[in-house]
Amino acid sequence: MAESKGTQRVDNMVKLLKKWQNIERQAISDTAEIMEKTDNALVRQIMEIIRNDSVQHHRVQQFLIDSLTTSPVKLTPEELGEVWDAIEAHDEHEKEVIEIAKELKEECRFFVQRSLIEYLLVDEQKHDTILEQLNEFKKNLYPYG
């Protein structure tokens, strides 16, 4: 019996996610190796940022693989409701930090520091975007409000 298009799509997604995970594992190894080879604080900091991001990417990719193969994503309105006030409060902190980072970026005239502030700003904006996506998910859980 032939596989359905949906099954083929999932199988291909899992295959690509696993390939991506292999690349992330290599990035983790590569950045650690680079960190061992240098005492330069800036290079070490950048490699540590990349390494930590690669570790997190690998974890998210595994979550995606699991959600496609063994553990479907589930979230009830009650589960989200239990933490929603705390999520909204956290989002306000994210927005405040974004404004601080924007101000710092505007004030900073030093290339290295400005570059790292820009990195932090983009990362904080990413957090805000993820929380906005969770809010969209919430709206789909509660179709009438």
C-alpha atoms as a PDB file:
ATOM      1  CA  MET A   1       0.000   0.000   0.000  1.00  0.00           C
ATOM      2  CA  ALA A   2       1.350   3.429  -0.973  1.00  0.00           C
ATOM      3  CA  GLU A   3       2.071   6.039   1.675  1.00  0.00           C
ATOM      4  CA  SER A   4      -0.245   9.037   1.772  1.00  0.00           C
ATOM      5  CA  LYS A   5       1.033  12.483   0.866  1.00  0.00           C
ATOM      6  CA  GLY A   6       0.663  13.477   4.514  1.00  0.00           C
ATOM      7  CA  THR A   7       2.803  10.568   5.695  1.00  0.00           C
ATOM      8  CA  GLN A   8       5.412  11.321   3.040  1.00  0.00           C
ATOM      9  CA  ARG A   9       5.452  14.970   4.083  1.00  0.00           C
ATOM     10  CA  VAL A  10       5.965  14.053   7.757  1.00  0.00           C
ATOM     11  CA  ASP A  11       8.676  11.541   6.882  1.00  0.00           C
ATOM     12  CA  ASN A  12      10.489  14.169   4.803  1.00  0.00           C
ATOM     13  CA  MET A  13      10.164  16.772   7.568  1.00  0.00           C
ATOM     14  CA  VAL A  14      11.615  14.349  10.126  1.00  0.00           C
ATOM     15  CA  LYS A  15      14.457  13.466   7.752  1.00  0.00           C
ATOM     16  CA  LEU A  16      15.300  17.150   7.221  1.00  0.00           C
ATOM     17  CA  LEU A  17      15.027  17.947  10.941  1.00  0.00           C
ATOM     18  CA  LYS A  18      17.443  15.107  11.748  1.00  0.00           C
ATOM     19  CA  LYS A  19      19.857  16.378   9.097  1.00  0.00           C
ATOM     20  CA  TRP A  20      19.600  19.842  10.630  1.00  0.00           C
ATOM     21  CA  GLN A  21      20.240  18.373  14.089  1.00  0.00           C
ATOM     22  CA  ASN A  22      23.447  16.790  12.811  1.00  0.00           C
ATOM     23  CA  ILE A  23      24.600  20.194  11.594  1.00  0.00           C
ATOM     24  CA  GLU A  24      23.718  21.751  14.967  1.00  0.00           C
ATOM     25  CA  ARG A  25      25.698  19.030  16.775  1.00  0.00           C
ATOM     26  CA  GLN A  26      28.661  19.839  14.552  1.00  0.00           C
ATOM     27  CA  ALA A  27      28.241  23.549  15.332  1.00  0.00           C
ATOM     28  CA  ILE A  28      28.265  22.745  19.057  1.00  0.00           C
ATOM     29  CA  SER A  29      31.489  20.805  18.614  1.00  0.00           C
ATOM     30  CA  ASP A  30      33.089  23.382  16.322  1.00  0.00           C
ATOM     31  CA  THR A  31      32.356  26.335  18.586  1.00  0.00           C
ATOM     32  CA  ALA A  32      33.658  24.488  21.659  1.00  0.00           C
ATOM     33  CA  GLU A  33      36.849  23.660  19.752  1.00  0.00           C
ATOM     34  CA  ILE A  34      37.295  27.282  18.690  1.00  0.00           C
ATOM     35  CA  MET A  35      36.770  28.429  22.284  1.00  0.00           C
ATOM     36  CA  GLU A  36      39.541  26.079  23.424  1.00  0.00           C
ATOM     37  CA  LYS A  37      41.927  27.543  20.857  1.00  0.00           C
ATOM     38  CA  THR A  38      41.603  31.180  21.886  1.00  0.00           C
ATOM     39  CA  ASP A  39      41.832  33.360  24.939  1.00  0.00           C
ATOM     40  CA  ASN A  40      40.236  36.301  23.118  1.00  0.00           C
ATOM     41  CA  ALA A  41      37.192  37.323  25.158  1.00  0.00           C
ATOM     42  CA  LEU A  42      35.197  38.580  22.154  1.00  0.00           C
ATOM     43  CA  VAL A  43      35.742  35.472  20.033  1.00  0.00           C
ATOM     44  CA  ARG A  44      34.943  33.260  23.032  1.00  0.00           C
ATOM     45  CA  GLN A  45      31.748  35.227  23.747  1.00  0.00           C
ATOM     46  CA  ILE A  46      30.534  34.966  20.162  1.00  0.00           C
ATOM     47  CA  MET A  47      31.326  31.238  20.014  1.00  0.00           C
ATOM     48  CA  GLU A  48      29.488  30.736  23.309  1.00  0.00           C
ATOM     49  CA  ILE A  49      26.423  32.555  21.948  1.00  0.00           C
ATOM     50  CA  ILE A  50      26.424  30.382  18.836  1.00  0.00           C
ATOM     51  CA  ARG A  51      27.031  27.208  20.847  1.00  0.00           C
ATOM     52  CA  ASN A  52      24.156  27.962  23.240  1.00  0.00           C
ATOM     53  CA  ASP A  53      21.844  28.774  20.332  1.00  0.00           C
ATOM     54  CA  SER A  54      22.819  25.516  18.620  1.00  0.00           C
ATOM     55  CA  VAL A  55      22.041  23.553  21.788  1.00  0.00           C
ATOM     56  CA  GLN A  56      18.618  25.206  21.970  1.00  0.00           C
ATOM     57  CA  HIS A  57      17.980  24.679  18.255  1.00  0.00           C
ATOM     58  CA  HIS A  58      18.760  20.978  18.667  1.00  0.00           C
ATOM     59  CA  ARG A  59      16.257  20.745  21.533  1.00  0.00           C
ATOM     60  CA  VAL A  60      13.534  22.527  19.533  1.00  0.00           C
ATOM     61  CA  GLN A  61      14.213  20.290  16.538  1.00  0.00           C
ATOM     62  CA  GLN A  62      13.824  17.234  18.767  1.00  0.00           C
ATOM     63  CA  PHE A  63      10.552  18.647  20.092  1.00  0.00           C
ATOM     64  CA  LEU A  64       9.381  19.029  16.492  1.00  0.00           C
ATOM     65  CA  ILE A  65      10.438  15.480  15.602  1.00  0.00           C
ATOM     66  CA  ASP A  66       8.676  14.101  18.682  1.00  0.00           C
ATOM     67  CA  SER A  67       5.564  16.161  17.949  1.00  0.00           C
ATOM     68  CA  LEU A  68       5.444  14.696  14.440  1.00  0.00           C
ATOM     69  CA  THR A  69       6.193  11.090  15.410  1.00  0.00           C
ATOM     70  CA  THR A  70       5.358  10.188  19.003  1.00  0.00           C
ATOM     71  CA  SER A  71       3.989  13.041  21.131  1.00  0.00           C
ATOM     72  CA  PRO A  72       1.494  15.322  19.381  1.00  0.00           C
ATOM     73  CA  VAL A  73       1.380  18.873  20.690  1.00  0.00           C
ATOM     74  CA  LYS A  74      -1.530  19.467  23.015  1.00  0.00           C
ATOM     75  CA  LEU A  75      -2.578  22.467  25.013  1.00  0.00           C
ATOM     76  CA  THR A  76      -5.963  22.941  26.603  1.00  0.00           C
ATOM     77  CA  PRO A  77      -7.584  26.300  27.294  1.00  0.00           C
ATOM     78  CA  GLU A  78      -7.421  25.436  30.987  1.00  0.00           C
ATOM     79  CA  GLU A  79      -3.661  24.782  30.869  1.00  0.00           C
ATOM     80  CA  LEU A  80      -3.036  28.055  29.078  1.00  0.00           C
ATOM     81  CA  GLY A  81      -5.448  29.902  31.348  1.00  0.00           C
ATOM     82  CA  GLU A  82      -3.514  28.796  34.431  1.00  0.00           C
ATOM     83  CA  VAL A  83      -0.410  30.667  33.298  1.00  0.00           C
ATOM     84  CA  TRP A  84      -1.728  33.349  30.967  1.00  0.00           C
ATOM     85  CA  ASP A  85      -1.519  36.237  33.456  1.00  0.00           C
ATOM     86  CA  ALA A  86       2.134  35.366  34.134  1.00  0.00           C
ATOM     87  CA  ILE A  87       2.824  35.124  30.385  1.00  0.00           C
ATOM     88  CA  GLU A  88       1.293  38.570  29.812  1.00  0.00           C
ATOM     89  CA  ALA A  89       3.361  40.022  32.667  1.00  0.00           C
ATOM     90  CA  HIS A  90       6.502  38.468  31.220  1.00  0.00           C
ATOM     91  CA  ASP A  91       5.679  39.882  27.793  1.00  0.00           C
ATOM     92  CA  GLU A  92       5.510  43.357  29.330  1.00  0.00           C
ATOM     93  CA  HIS A  93       9.031  42.829  30.698  1.00  0.00           C
ATOM     94  CA  GLU A  94      10.188  41.725  27.239  1.00  0.00           C
ATOM     95  CA  LYS A  95       8.749  44.908  25.721  1.00  0.00           C
ATOM     96  CA  GLU A  96      10.486  47.017  28.374  1.00  0.00           C
ATOM     97  CA  VAL A  97      13.830  45.312  27.708  1.00  0.00           C
ATOM     98  CA  ILE A  98      13.394  45.869  23.962  1.00  0.00           C
ATOM     99  CA  GLU A  99      13.003  49.599  24.585  1.00  0.00           C
ATOM    100  CA  ILE A 100      16.092  49.646  26.804  1.00  0.00           C
ATOM    101  CA  ALA A 101      18.090  47.798  24.141  1.00  0.00           C
ATOM    102  CA  LYS A 102      16.919  50.229  21.451  1.00  0.00           C
ATOM    103  CA  GLU A 103      18.005  53.162  23.611  1.00  0.00           C
ATOM    104  CA  LEU A 104      21.379  51.554  24.313  1.00  0.00           C
ATOM    105  CA  LYS A 105      21.908  50.825  20.635  1.00  0.00           C
ATOM    106  CA  GLU A 106      21.143  54.440  19.773  1.00  0.00           C
ATOM    107  CA  GLU A 107      23.528  55.753  22.461  1.00  0.00           C
ATOM    108  CA  CYS A 108      26.415  53.369  21.851  1.00  0.00           C
ATOM    109  CA  ARG A 109      29.222  54.559  19.579  1.00  0.00           C
ATOM    110  CA  PHE A 110      31.529  51.588  20.058  1.00  0.00           C
ATOM    111  CA  PHE A 111      31.411  48.972  17.287  1.00  0.00           C
ATOM    112  CA  VAL A 112      31.838  45.806  19.376  1.00  0.00           C
ATOM    113  CA  GLN A 113      29.443  46.852  22.117  1.00  0.00           C
ATOM    114  CA  ARG A 114      26.882  48.145  19.610  1.00  0.00           C
ATOM    115  CA  SER A 115      27.066  44.837  17.706  1.00  0.00           C
ATOM    116  CA  LEU A 116      26.405  42.827  20.864  1.00  0.00           C
ATOM    117  CA  ILE A 117      23.586  45.164  21.894  1.00  0.00           C
ATOM    118  CA  GLU A 118      22.078  44.596  18.433  1.00  0.00           C
ATOM    119  CA  TYR A 119      22.360  40.836  18.996  1.00  0.00           C
ATOM    120  CA  LEU A 120      20.578  41.171  22.353  1.00  0.00           C
ATOM    121  CA  LEU A 121      17.886  43.390  20.830  1.00  0.00           C
ATOM    122  CA  VAL A 122      17.171  40.899  18.047  1.00  0.00           C
ATOM    123  CA  ASP A 123      17.037  38.066  20.579  1.00  0.00           C
ATOM    124  CA  GLU A 124      14.604  39.976  22.826  1.00  0.00           C
ATOM    125  CA  GLN A 125      12.455  40.817  19.798  1.00  0.00           C
ATOM    126  CA  LYS A 126      12.431  37.103  18.977  1.00  0.00           C
ATOM    127  CA  HIS A 127      11.101  36.379  22.468  1.00  0.00           C
ATOM    128  CA  ASP A 128       8.343  38.938  21.954  1.00  0.00           C
ATOM    129  CA  THR A 129       7.464  37.354  18.589  1.00  0.00           C
ATOM    130  CA  ILE A 130       7.240  33.884  20.139  1.00  0.00           C
ATOM    131  CA  LEU A 131       4.914  35.209  22.838  1.00  0.00           C
ATOM    132  CA  GLU A 132       2.782  36.881  20.143  1.00  0.00           C
ATOM    133  CA  GLN A 133       2.572  33.500  18.384  1.00  0.00           C
ATOM    134  CA  LEU A 134       1.417  31.932  21.644  1.00  0.00           C
ATOM    135  CA  ASN A 135      -1.268  34.618  21.836  1.00  0.00           C
ATOM    136  CA  GLU A 136      -2.410  33.660  18.315  1.00  0.00           C
ATOM    137  CA  PHE A 137      -2.553  30.041  19.447  1.00  0.00           C
ATOM    138  CA  LYS A 138      -4.668  31.165  22.413  1.00  0.00           C
ATOM    139  CA  LYS A 139      -7.082  32.955  20.060  1.00  0.00           C
ATOM    140  CA  ASN A 140      -7.522  29.692  18.136  1.00  0.00           C
ATOM    141  CA  LEU A 141      -8.252  27.848  21.406  1.00  0.00           C
ATOM    142  CA  TYR A 142     -10.897  30.402  22.285  1.00  0.00           C
ATOM    143  CA  PRO A 143     -12.763  31.041  19.027  1.00  0.00           C
ATOM    144  CA  TYR A 144     -15.257  33.416  20.670  1.00  0.00           C
ATOM    145  CA  GLY A 145     -12.911  35.685  22.579  1.00  0.00           C
END
